[in-house]
N, C-alpha and C. Protein backbone atom coordinates (compact mmCIF):
# COMPACT_ATOMS: atom_id res chain seq x y z
N MET A 1 -0.27 -100.29 88.41
CA MET A 1 -0.72 -98.94 88.20
C MET A 1 0.42 -98.15 87.56
N PHE A 2 0.08 -97.42 86.49
CA PHE A 2 1.06 -96.61 85.78
C PHE A 2 0.80 -95.14 86.06
N ILE A 3 1.86 -94.38 86.29
CA ILE A 3 1.75 -92.94 86.51
C ILE A 3 2.52 -92.24 85.40
N VAL A 4 1.83 -91.34 84.72
CA VAL A 4 2.45 -90.56 83.64
C VAL A 4 2.38 -89.09 84.04
N ASP A 5 3.54 -88.45 84.07
CA ASP A 5 3.62 -87.05 84.46
C ASP A 5 3.79 -86.20 83.19
N ILE A 6 2.79 -85.41 82.87
CA ILE A 6 2.82 -84.56 81.67
C ILE A 6 2.67 -83.11 82.12
N HIS A 7 3.56 -82.27 81.64
CA HIS A 7 3.48 -80.84 81.96
C HIS A 7 2.28 -80.22 81.26
N THR A 8 1.67 -79.28 81.93
CA THR A 8 0.53 -78.60 81.32
C THR A 8 0.95 -77.78 80.11
N SER A 9 2.20 -77.30 80.11
CA SER A 9 2.66 -76.50 78.98
C SER A 9 2.71 -77.33 77.69
N LEU A 10 2.88 -78.64 77.80
CA LEU A 10 2.85 -79.50 76.62
C LEU A 10 1.44 -79.59 76.05
N LEU A 11 0.45 -79.56 76.93
CA LEU A 11 -0.93 -79.67 76.47
C LEU A 11 -1.50 -78.32 76.02
N VAL A 12 -1.24 -77.28 76.81
CA VAL A 12 -1.85 -75.98 76.56
C VAL A 12 -0.91 -75.05 75.80
N GLY A 13 0.36 -75.13 76.09
CA GLY A 13 1.32 -74.21 75.50
C GLY A 13 1.91 -73.32 76.57
N ASP A 14 2.87 -72.50 76.18
CA ASP A 14 3.54 -71.63 77.14
C ASP A 14 2.65 -70.48 77.61
N GLY A 15 1.81 -70.02 76.79
CA GLY A 15 0.96 -68.89 77.16
C GLY A 15 -0.21 -68.79 76.19
N PRO A 16 -1.24 -68.07 76.57
CA PRO A 16 -2.38 -67.92 75.67
C PRO A 16 -1.97 -67.10 74.45
N PRO A 17 -2.65 -67.29 73.34
CA PRO A 17 -2.30 -66.50 72.15
C PRO A 17 -2.61 -65.03 72.39
N ARG A 18 -1.72 -64.19 71.90
CA ARG A 18 -1.90 -62.74 72.07
C ARG A 18 -2.89 -62.22 71.05
N GLU A 19 -3.69 -61.29 71.51
CA GLU A 19 -4.62 -60.64 70.58
C GLU A 19 -3.86 -59.57 69.84
N ARG A 20 -4.00 -59.58 68.54
CA ARG A 20 -3.33 -58.57 67.72
C ARG A 20 -4.35 -57.87 66.86
N ARG A 21 -4.14 -56.60 66.73
CA ARG A 21 -5.02 -55.82 65.88
C ARG A 21 -4.73 -56.14 64.43
N ALA A 22 -5.76 -56.20 63.62
CA ALA A 22 -5.58 -56.48 62.20
C ALA A 22 -4.76 -55.36 61.56
N ALA A 23 -3.97 -55.71 60.56
CA ALA A 23 -3.13 -54.71 59.91
C ALA A 23 -3.98 -53.65 59.23
N SER A 24 -5.08 -54.04 58.62
CA SER A 24 -5.99 -53.08 58.01
C SER A 24 -7.35 -53.73 57.90
N ARG A 25 -8.38 -52.91 57.82
CA ARG A 25 -9.72 -53.45 57.70
C ARG A 25 -10.47 -52.67 56.64
N ARG A 26 -11.41 -53.32 56.02
CA ARG A 26 -12.21 -52.68 54.97
C ARG A 26 -13.56 -52.32 55.57
N LEU A 27 -14.01 -51.11 55.30
CA LEU A 27 -15.30 -50.69 55.83
C LEU A 27 -16.41 -51.52 55.18
N ASN A 28 -17.41 -51.85 55.96
CA ASN A 28 -18.47 -52.74 55.52
C ASN A 28 -19.52 -51.97 54.74
N THR A 29 -19.86 -52.41 53.53
CA THR A 29 -20.86 -51.73 52.72
C THR A 29 -22.28 -52.14 53.10
N CYS A 30 -22.42 -53.08 54.03
CA CYS A 30 -23.76 -53.44 54.50
C CYS A 30 -24.31 -52.39 55.46
N LEU A 31 -23.45 -51.53 55.96
CA LEU A 31 -23.91 -50.47 56.85
C LEU A 31 -24.73 -49.46 56.05
N PRO A 32 -25.82 -48.96 56.61
CA PRO A 32 -26.71 -48.07 55.84
C PRO A 32 -26.02 -46.80 55.34
N HIS A 33 -25.20 -46.15 56.18
CA HIS A 33 -24.59 -44.89 55.74
C HIS A 33 -23.56 -45.12 54.64
N VAL A 34 -22.92 -46.28 54.63
CA VAL A 34 -21.94 -46.57 53.59
C VAL A 34 -22.65 -46.85 52.27
N ALA A 35 -23.73 -47.63 52.34
CA ALA A 35 -24.50 -47.93 51.12
C ALA A 35 -25.10 -46.65 50.55
N LYS A 36 -25.56 -45.76 51.43
CA LYS A 36 -26.13 -44.48 50.98
C LYS A 36 -25.07 -43.64 50.28
N LYS A 37 -23.86 -43.61 50.84
CA LYS A 37 -22.77 -42.86 50.23
C LYS A 37 -22.43 -43.43 48.85
N TYR A 38 -22.44 -44.76 48.73
CA TYR A 38 -22.15 -45.41 47.45
C TYR A 38 -23.19 -44.99 46.40
N ILE A 39 -24.47 -45.05 46.78
CA ILE A 39 -25.54 -44.72 45.84
C ILE A 39 -25.46 -43.25 45.43
N GLU A 40 -25.19 -42.36 46.40
CA GLU A 40 -25.08 -40.93 46.08
C GLU A 40 -23.93 -40.66 45.13
N ASN A 41 -22.79 -41.30 45.36
CA ASN A 41 -21.62 -41.11 44.50
C ASN A 41 -21.91 -41.63 43.09
N LEU A 42 -22.53 -42.82 43.00
CA LEU A 42 -22.83 -43.40 41.70
C LEU A 42 -23.84 -42.55 40.94
N GLU A 43 -24.89 -42.11 41.62
CA GLU A 43 -25.90 -41.29 40.95
C GLU A 43 -25.35 -39.95 40.48
N SER A 44 -24.46 -39.35 41.28
CA SER A 44 -23.87 -38.07 40.85
C SER A 44 -23.00 -38.26 39.62
N ASN A 45 -22.27 -39.38 39.55
CA ASN A 45 -21.47 -39.65 38.35
C ASN A 45 -22.35 -39.92 37.14
N LEU A 46 -23.45 -40.64 37.33
CA LEU A 46 -24.37 -40.92 36.21
C LEU A 46 -24.98 -39.63 35.68
N LYS A 47 -25.34 -38.70 36.59
CA LYS A 47 -25.92 -37.42 36.16
C LYS A 47 -24.87 -36.55 35.49
N ARG A 48 -23.68 -36.48 36.09
CA ARG A 48 -22.63 -35.61 35.56
C ARG A 48 -22.21 -36.03 34.16
N HIS A 49 -22.12 -37.32 33.93
CA HIS A 49 -21.66 -37.82 32.62
C HIS A 49 -22.81 -38.18 31.69
N ARG A 50 -24.04 -37.83 32.08
CA ARG A 50 -25.25 -38.02 31.26
C ARG A 50 -25.32 -39.43 30.68
N LEU A 51 -25.17 -40.43 31.52
CA LEU A 51 -25.14 -41.81 31.04
C LEU A 51 -26.50 -42.28 30.54
N ILE A 52 -27.57 -41.85 31.19
CA ILE A 52 -28.92 -42.28 30.76
C ILE A 52 -29.26 -41.66 29.41
N GLU A 53 -28.89 -40.39 29.22
CA GLU A 53 -29.12 -39.76 27.92
C GLU A 53 -28.31 -40.45 26.82
N LYS A 54 -27.08 -40.83 27.15
CA LYS A 54 -26.24 -41.52 26.16
C LYS A 54 -26.84 -42.88 25.80
N LEU A 55 -27.43 -43.54 26.78
CA LEU A 55 -28.06 -44.83 26.51
C LEU A 55 -29.27 -44.65 25.60
N GLY A 56 -30.06 -43.59 25.85
CA GLY A 56 -31.22 -43.31 24.99
C GLY A 56 -30.77 -42.95 23.58
N GLU A 57 -29.69 -42.15 23.46
CA GLU A 57 -29.17 -41.79 22.14
C GLU A 57 -28.65 -43.01 21.39
N ALA A 58 -28.07 -43.95 22.11
CA ALA A 58 -27.56 -45.16 21.46
C ALA A 58 -28.69 -45.95 20.82
N HIS A 59 -29.85 -45.98 21.47
CA HIS A 59 -30.98 -46.73 20.91
C HIS A 59 -31.66 -45.97 19.79
N THR A 60 -31.69 -44.64 19.85
CA THR A 60 -32.41 -43.88 18.83
C THR A 60 -31.56 -43.57 17.59
N THR A 61 -30.26 -43.40 17.78
CA THR A 61 -29.42 -43.00 16.64
C THR A 61 -28.69 -44.17 16.01
N GLY A 62 -28.85 -45.34 16.53
CA GLY A 62 -28.15 -46.50 15.96
C GLY A 62 -28.70 -46.85 14.60
N THR A 63 -27.82 -47.10 13.63
CA THR A 63 -28.26 -47.43 12.28
C THR A 63 -28.53 -48.93 12.12
N SER A 64 -27.75 -49.73 12.78
CA SER A 64 -27.96 -51.19 12.70
C SER A 64 -27.93 -51.77 14.11
N ARG A 65 -28.26 -53.03 14.17
CA ARG A 65 -28.28 -53.70 15.47
C ARG A 65 -26.87 -53.77 16.08
N GLU A 66 -25.86 -54.00 15.25
CA GLU A 66 -24.47 -54.06 15.73
C GLU A 66 -24.00 -52.70 16.23
N ASP A 67 -24.42 -51.64 15.53
CA ASP A 67 -24.05 -50.29 15.93
C ASP A 67 -24.65 -49.95 17.30
N VAL A 68 -25.91 -50.29 17.49
CA VAL A 68 -26.58 -50.05 18.77
C VAL A 68 -25.89 -50.85 19.87
N GLN A 69 -25.54 -52.11 19.55
CA GLN A 69 -24.87 -52.96 20.54
C GLN A 69 -23.52 -52.38 20.95
N GLU A 70 -22.75 -51.85 20.02
CA GLU A 70 -21.45 -51.25 20.33
C GLU A 70 -21.61 -50.02 21.24
N LYS A 71 -22.60 -49.17 20.94
CA LYS A 71 -22.82 -47.97 21.74
C LYS A 71 -23.29 -48.33 23.16
N VAL A 72 -24.16 -49.33 23.26
CA VAL A 72 -24.64 -49.77 24.57
C VAL A 72 -23.50 -50.38 25.37
N THR A 73 -22.61 -51.12 24.71
CA THR A 73 -21.46 -51.71 25.39
C THR A 73 -20.52 -50.62 25.91
N ALA A 74 -20.32 -49.55 25.12
CA ALA A 74 -19.47 -48.45 25.56
C ALA A 74 -20.08 -47.77 26.79
N VAL A 75 -21.40 -47.57 26.80
CA VAL A 75 -22.08 -46.97 27.95
C VAL A 75 -21.96 -47.89 29.16
N ASP A 76 -22.08 -49.20 28.92
CA ASP A 76 -21.96 -50.17 30.02
C ASP A 76 -20.56 -50.15 30.62
N LYS A 77 -19.53 -50.01 29.79
CA LYS A 77 -18.16 -49.91 30.32
C LYS A 77 -17.98 -48.68 31.18
N ASP A 78 -18.57 -47.56 30.74
CA ASP A 78 -18.51 -46.33 31.55
C ASP A 78 -19.20 -46.53 32.89
N SER A 79 -20.39 -47.16 32.87
CA SER A 79 -21.11 -47.37 34.13
C SER A 79 -20.34 -48.29 35.06
N LEU A 80 -19.63 -49.27 34.51
CA LEU A 80 -18.81 -50.16 35.33
C LEU A 80 -17.68 -49.38 36.01
N GLN A 81 -17.07 -48.45 35.27
CA GLN A 81 -16.03 -47.61 35.87
C GLN A 81 -16.59 -46.74 36.99
N PHE A 82 -17.80 -46.21 36.80
CA PHE A 82 -18.42 -45.38 37.84
C PHE A 82 -18.74 -46.21 39.08
N MET A 83 -19.17 -47.45 38.89
CA MET A 83 -19.47 -48.32 40.03
C MET A 83 -18.19 -48.65 40.80
N LYS A 84 -17.11 -48.92 40.08
CA LYS A 84 -15.83 -49.20 40.75
C LYS A 84 -15.35 -47.99 41.53
N HIS A 85 -15.50 -46.81 40.94
CA HIS A 85 -15.08 -45.58 41.61
C HIS A 85 -15.88 -45.35 42.88
N ALA A 86 -17.21 -45.55 42.81
CA ALA A 86 -18.06 -45.35 43.99
C ALA A 86 -17.71 -46.36 45.08
N ALA A 87 -17.43 -47.60 44.69
CA ALA A 87 -17.06 -48.62 45.68
C ALA A 87 -15.72 -48.29 46.31
N LYS A 88 -14.80 -47.76 45.52
CA LYS A 88 -13.49 -47.39 46.05
C LYS A 88 -13.62 -46.25 47.06
N LYS A 89 -14.52 -45.31 46.79
CA LYS A 89 -14.72 -44.19 47.70
C LYS A 89 -15.39 -44.62 49.00
N CYS A 90 -16.21 -45.66 48.95
CA CYS A 90 -16.95 -46.08 50.14
C CYS A 90 -16.21 -47.09 50.98
N ARG A 91 -15.34 -47.88 50.37
CA ARG A 91 -14.65 -48.93 51.12
C ARG A 91 -13.18 -48.59 51.21
N LYS A 92 -12.85 -47.68 52.09
CA LYS A 92 -11.46 -47.27 52.25
C LYS A 92 -10.75 -48.23 53.20
N LEU A 93 -9.49 -48.45 52.95
CA LEU A 93 -8.70 -49.27 53.86
C LEU A 93 -8.26 -48.40 55.02
N LYS A 94 -8.54 -48.87 56.22
CA LYS A 94 -8.17 -48.15 57.43
C LYS A 94 -7.09 -48.93 58.15
N ASN A 95 -6.06 -48.25 58.56
CA ASN A 95 -4.99 -48.89 59.31
C ASN A 95 -5.45 -49.05 60.75
N GLY A 96 -5.24 -50.21 61.33
CA GLY A 96 -5.70 -50.47 62.68
C GLY A 96 -4.64 -50.25 63.75
N ARG A 97 -3.52 -49.63 63.41
CA ARG A 97 -2.45 -49.46 64.39
C ARG A 97 -2.83 -48.53 65.52
N ILE A 98 -3.54 -47.46 65.20
CA ILE A 98 -3.96 -46.49 66.21
C ILE A 98 -5.49 -46.42 66.18
N CYS A 99 -6.11 -46.46 67.35
CA CYS A 99 -7.57 -46.35 67.43
C CYS A 99 -8.01 -45.02 66.82
N PHE A 100 -9.13 -45.04 66.12
CA PHE A 100 -9.59 -43.82 65.49
C PHE A 100 -10.12 -42.85 66.54
N SER A 101 -9.62 -41.65 66.48
CA SER A 101 -10.07 -40.55 67.31
C SER A 101 -9.51 -39.29 66.67
N PRO A 102 -10.18 -38.17 66.80
CA PRO A 102 -9.69 -36.96 66.14
C PRO A 102 -8.29 -36.54 66.56
N GLU A 103 -7.95 -36.68 67.85
CA GLU A 103 -6.63 -36.23 68.30
C GLU A 103 -5.49 -37.06 67.69
N PRO A 104 -5.55 -38.40 67.71
CA PRO A 104 -4.47 -39.15 67.05
C PRO A 104 -4.37 -38.87 65.56
N VAL A 105 -5.52 -38.66 64.91
CA VAL A 105 -5.50 -38.35 63.47
C VAL A 105 -4.76 -37.04 63.23
N ASN A 106 -5.01 -36.03 64.09
CA ASN A 106 -4.32 -34.75 63.94
C ASN A 106 -2.81 -34.91 64.09
N TRP A 107 -2.39 -35.73 65.05
CA TRP A 107 -0.95 -35.91 65.26
C TRP A 107 -0.31 -36.69 64.11
N ILE A 108 -1.03 -37.64 63.54
CA ILE A 108 -0.50 -38.37 62.37
C ILE A 108 -0.34 -37.41 61.20
N LYS A 109 -1.34 -36.55 60.97
CA LYS A 109 -1.26 -35.59 59.88
C LYS A 109 -0.12 -34.60 60.10
N ARG A 110 0.04 -34.15 61.35
CA ARG A 110 1.14 -33.23 61.65
C ARG A 110 2.49 -33.87 61.36
N GLU A 111 2.63 -35.14 61.73
CA GLU A 111 3.90 -35.82 61.47
C GLU A 111 4.17 -35.90 59.97
N GLN A 112 3.14 -36.17 59.19
CA GLN A 112 3.30 -36.22 57.74
C GLN A 112 3.70 -34.84 57.18
N ILE A 113 3.08 -33.80 57.71
CA ILE A 113 3.40 -32.44 57.24
C ILE A 113 4.83 -32.06 57.62
N TYR A 114 5.23 -32.38 58.85
CA TYR A 114 6.61 -32.07 59.27
C TYR A 114 7.61 -32.84 58.41
N ASN A 115 7.29 -34.10 58.07
CA ASN A 115 8.17 -34.87 57.17
C ASN A 115 8.27 -34.19 55.81
N SER A 116 7.15 -33.75 55.27
CA SER A 116 7.16 -33.08 53.97
C SER A 116 7.93 -31.77 54.03
N LEU A 117 7.76 -31.01 55.12
CA LEU A 117 8.50 -29.76 55.27
C LEU A 117 10.01 -30.01 55.36
N LEU A 118 10.38 -31.08 56.07
CA LEU A 118 11.80 -31.41 56.18
C LEU A 118 12.37 -31.80 54.82
N GLN A 119 11.60 -32.57 54.05
CA GLN A 119 12.06 -32.93 52.70
C GLN A 119 12.16 -31.70 51.82
N TYR A 120 11.21 -30.76 51.98
CA TYR A 120 11.27 -29.52 51.21
C TYR A 120 12.53 -28.73 51.56
N LYS A 121 12.85 -28.66 52.86
CA LYS A 121 14.05 -27.93 53.30
C LYS A 121 15.33 -28.59 52.79
N LEU A 122 15.27 -29.93 52.62
CA LEU A 122 16.46 -30.65 52.13
C LEU A 122 16.57 -30.63 50.61
N GLY A 123 15.66 -29.91 49.94
CA GLY A 123 15.77 -29.74 48.50
C GLY A 123 14.97 -30.74 47.69
N LYS A 124 14.14 -31.55 48.31
CA LYS A 124 13.31 -32.49 47.55
C LYS A 124 12.20 -31.70 46.87
N ASN A 125 11.67 -32.25 45.82
CA ASN A 125 10.67 -31.57 45.01
C ASN A 125 9.30 -31.71 45.68
N LYS A 126 8.83 -30.66 46.35
CA LYS A 126 7.53 -30.62 47.01
C LYS A 126 6.80 -29.37 46.56
N ASN A 127 5.49 -29.44 46.48
CA ASN A 127 4.68 -28.29 46.09
C ASN A 127 4.52 -27.36 47.29
N ARG A 128 5.03 -26.17 47.17
CA ARG A 128 5.04 -25.21 48.28
C ARG A 128 3.63 -24.79 48.68
N GLY A 129 2.76 -24.59 47.72
CA GLY A 129 1.39 -24.17 48.01
C GLY A 129 0.61 -25.24 48.76
N ASN A 130 0.74 -26.49 48.33
CA ASN A 130 0.05 -27.58 49.03
C ASN A 130 0.57 -27.75 50.45
N LEU A 131 1.88 -27.61 50.63
CA LEU A 131 2.46 -27.71 51.97
C LEU A 131 1.92 -26.61 52.88
N LYS A 132 1.87 -25.40 52.35
CA LYS A 132 1.40 -24.26 53.14
C LYS A 132 -0.06 -24.45 53.54
N ARG A 133 -0.88 -24.92 52.59
CA ARG A 133 -2.30 -25.14 52.86
C ARG A 133 -2.50 -26.24 53.91
N ALA A 134 -1.78 -27.35 53.77
CA ALA A 134 -1.90 -28.45 54.72
C ALA A 134 -1.45 -28.02 56.12
N ALA A 135 -0.38 -27.25 56.18
CA ALA A 135 0.11 -26.77 57.48
C ALA A 135 -0.91 -25.84 58.13
N ARG A 136 -1.51 -24.96 57.34
CA ARG A 136 -2.50 -24.04 57.88
C ARG A 136 -3.71 -24.79 58.41
N ARG A 137 -4.14 -25.83 57.71
CA ARG A 137 -5.31 -26.62 58.14
C ARG A 137 -5.03 -27.36 59.45
N ASN A 138 -3.77 -27.67 59.72
CA ASN A 138 -3.44 -28.42 60.93
C ASN A 138 -2.84 -27.55 62.01
N GLY A 139 -2.98 -26.24 61.89
CA GLY A 139 -2.57 -25.33 62.95
C GLY A 139 -1.09 -25.07 63.03
N ILE A 140 -0.35 -25.28 61.98
CA ILE A 140 1.09 -25.00 61.97
C ILE A 140 1.28 -23.63 61.32
N GLN A 141 1.65 -22.65 62.13
CA GLN A 141 1.80 -21.28 61.65
C GLN A 141 3.20 -21.06 61.08
N HIS A 142 3.30 -20.36 59.99
CA HIS A 142 4.56 -20.00 59.33
C HIS A 142 5.45 -21.25 59.14
N PRO A 143 5.01 -22.20 58.34
CA PRO A 143 5.73 -23.47 58.23
C PRO A 143 7.12 -23.34 57.61
N PHE A 144 7.32 -22.38 56.73
CA PHE A 144 8.61 -22.28 56.05
C PHE A 144 9.65 -21.50 56.86
N GLN A 145 9.24 -20.94 57.99
CA GLN A 145 10.17 -20.25 58.87
C GLN A 145 10.73 -21.17 59.96
N ILE A 146 10.23 -22.40 60.03
CA ILE A 146 10.72 -23.36 61.03
C ILE A 146 12.05 -23.92 60.54
N SER A 147 13.06 -23.91 61.40
CA SER A 147 14.37 -24.40 61.00
C SER A 147 14.37 -25.93 60.93
N THR A 148 15.42 -26.47 60.32
CA THR A 148 15.55 -27.92 60.16
C THR A 148 15.65 -28.61 61.52
N GLU A 149 16.38 -28.01 62.45
CA GLU A 149 16.52 -28.60 63.79
C GLU A 149 15.18 -28.63 64.51
N GLU A 150 14.41 -27.53 64.40
CA GLU A 150 13.10 -27.50 65.03
C GLU A 150 12.15 -28.52 64.40
N LEU A 151 12.26 -28.71 63.09
CA LEU A 151 11.43 -29.71 62.41
C LEU A 151 11.75 -31.11 62.93
N LYS A 152 13.04 -31.39 63.14
CA LYS A 152 13.41 -32.71 63.67
C LYS A 152 12.87 -32.91 65.08
N ILE A 153 12.91 -31.84 65.89
CA ILE A 153 12.36 -31.93 67.25
C ILE A 153 10.85 -32.15 67.19
N CYS A 154 10.17 -31.43 66.30
CA CYS A 154 8.72 -31.60 66.16
C CYS A 154 8.38 -33.02 65.70
N LEU A 155 9.20 -33.57 64.79
CA LEU A 155 8.97 -34.94 64.33
C LEU A 155 9.12 -35.93 65.47
N GLU A 156 10.14 -35.72 66.33
CA GLU A 156 10.33 -36.60 67.48
C GLU A 156 9.12 -36.52 68.42
N MET A 157 8.63 -35.29 68.63
CA MET A 157 7.48 -35.12 69.51
C MET A 157 6.24 -35.81 68.94
N CYS A 158 6.01 -35.66 67.64
CA CYS A 158 4.87 -36.32 67.00
C CYS A 158 5.02 -37.84 67.08
N ASP A 159 6.24 -38.33 66.90
CA ASP A 159 6.47 -39.76 66.98
C ASP A 159 6.21 -40.28 68.39
N GLU A 160 6.64 -39.52 69.42
CA GLU A 160 6.36 -39.90 70.81
C GLU A 160 4.86 -39.95 71.05
N ARG A 161 4.16 -38.94 70.58
CA ARG A 161 2.72 -38.86 70.79
C ARG A 161 2.00 -40.01 70.08
N ASN A 162 2.42 -40.30 68.84
CA ASN A 162 1.80 -41.41 68.10
C ASN A 162 2.09 -42.75 68.76
N ASN A 163 3.30 -42.93 69.29
CA ASN A 163 3.61 -44.17 70.01
C ASN A 163 2.75 -44.28 71.26
N TYR A 164 2.54 -43.17 71.93
CA TYR A 164 1.68 -43.17 73.12
C TYR A 164 0.27 -43.63 72.75
N PHE A 165 -0.29 -43.06 71.68
CA PHE A 165 -1.64 -43.44 71.26
C PHE A 165 -1.68 -44.89 70.79
N ARG A 166 -0.61 -45.35 70.17
CA ARG A 166 -0.55 -46.72 69.70
C ARG A 166 -0.59 -47.70 70.88
N GLU A 167 0.10 -47.34 71.97
CA GLU A 167 0.16 -48.22 73.14
C GLU A 167 -1.07 -48.10 74.02
N ASN A 168 -1.54 -46.88 74.25
CA ASN A 168 -2.59 -46.65 75.25
C ASN A 168 -3.95 -46.38 74.66
N GLY A 169 -4.07 -46.22 73.37
CA GLY A 169 -5.34 -45.85 72.78
C GLY A 169 -5.58 -44.36 72.90
N SER A 170 -6.72 -43.92 72.45
CA SER A 170 -6.98 -42.48 72.43
C SER A 170 -7.45 -41.97 73.78
N ARG A 171 -7.97 -42.86 74.64
CA ARG A 171 -8.43 -42.43 75.96
C ARG A 171 -7.60 -43.12 77.03
N SER A 172 -7.00 -42.34 77.87
CA SER A 172 -6.21 -42.89 78.96
C SER A 172 -6.15 -41.88 80.08
N GLU A 173 -5.92 -42.37 81.29
CA GLU A 173 -5.84 -41.49 82.46
C GLU A 173 -4.52 -40.72 82.51
N GLU A 174 -3.49 -41.29 81.92
CA GLU A 174 -2.18 -40.64 81.96
C GLU A 174 -2.15 -39.47 80.99
N THR A 175 -1.19 -38.59 81.19
CA THR A 175 -1.00 -37.50 80.23
C THR A 175 0.02 -37.96 79.20
N PRO A 176 -0.15 -37.55 77.95
CA PRO A 176 0.81 -37.93 76.92
C PRO A 176 2.21 -37.43 77.26
N PRO A 177 3.25 -38.07 76.70
CA PRO A 177 4.62 -37.77 77.08
C PRO A 177 5.05 -36.33 76.91
N SER A 178 4.61 -35.65 75.86
CA SER A 178 5.10 -34.28 75.64
C SER A 178 4.47 -33.30 76.63
N GLU A 179 3.30 -33.63 77.22
CA GLU A 179 2.68 -32.74 78.18
C GLU A 179 3.14 -33.03 79.61
N SER A 180 3.69 -34.22 79.85
CA SER A 180 4.05 -34.59 81.21
C SER A 180 5.37 -33.98 81.65
N ARG A 181 6.17 -33.50 80.70
CA ARG A 181 7.45 -32.89 81.06
C ARG A 181 7.22 -31.50 81.60
N SER A 182 7.85 -31.20 82.69
CA SER A 182 7.73 -29.84 83.23
C SER A 182 8.99 -29.07 82.90
N GLY A 183 8.80 -27.89 82.40
CA GLY A 183 9.94 -27.03 82.12
C GLY A 183 10.56 -27.24 80.75
N THR A 184 10.34 -28.38 80.11
CA THR A 184 10.95 -28.62 78.79
C THR A 184 9.85 -28.81 77.76
N LYS A 185 9.02 -27.80 77.60
CA LYS A 185 8.00 -27.88 76.57
C LYS A 185 8.62 -27.60 75.23
N ARG A 186 8.28 -28.44 74.29
CA ARG A 186 8.80 -28.26 72.93
C ARG A 186 7.82 -27.49 72.09
N ARG A 187 8.33 -26.88 71.06
CA ARG A 187 7.48 -26.12 70.16
C ARG A 187 6.71 -27.09 69.28
N ALA A 188 5.38 -27.01 69.29
CA ALA A 188 4.55 -27.94 68.53
C ALA A 188 4.11 -27.34 67.21
N THR A 189 4.14 -26.04 67.07
CA THR A 189 3.68 -25.45 65.82
C THR A 189 4.77 -24.69 65.15
């Protein structure tokens, strides 16, 4: 009788494979609302650029068969560009690092705005009007009166909040890190 001793780790491995979120995902165009958005975008471009009228003009005003073929080919190239544009609008790449929810999206946008404001304060070329508009939309009052030190603190707070959402998702029983501190509330706006 022979006895062979084999460790289970040799057969199964050290641990089960970890589940990882995909780096990015493409929205599915088989979904009804996505297909509807694609058709609406394509039809609006066809109407705006009068593609059907141009196709009719190509057939009626063409002097020879080659001339008609060239005009129809030009209209076809335009329609191909409109189809690509509509598909691009409907199939956006979404980052899977943070679960989608309105609150995490707001904090990501705030972090981007604070980064842009910091670059503006450091003399980088940024459009002041666009920065002001984006800040107003995200509830940041008087963005150009915030000092550089306060901007760095706000960036740290946004980074903490985004890390929290990345680890725990958008719904959790715990309070996010910036709200759990007592007595040391940081300025968020």
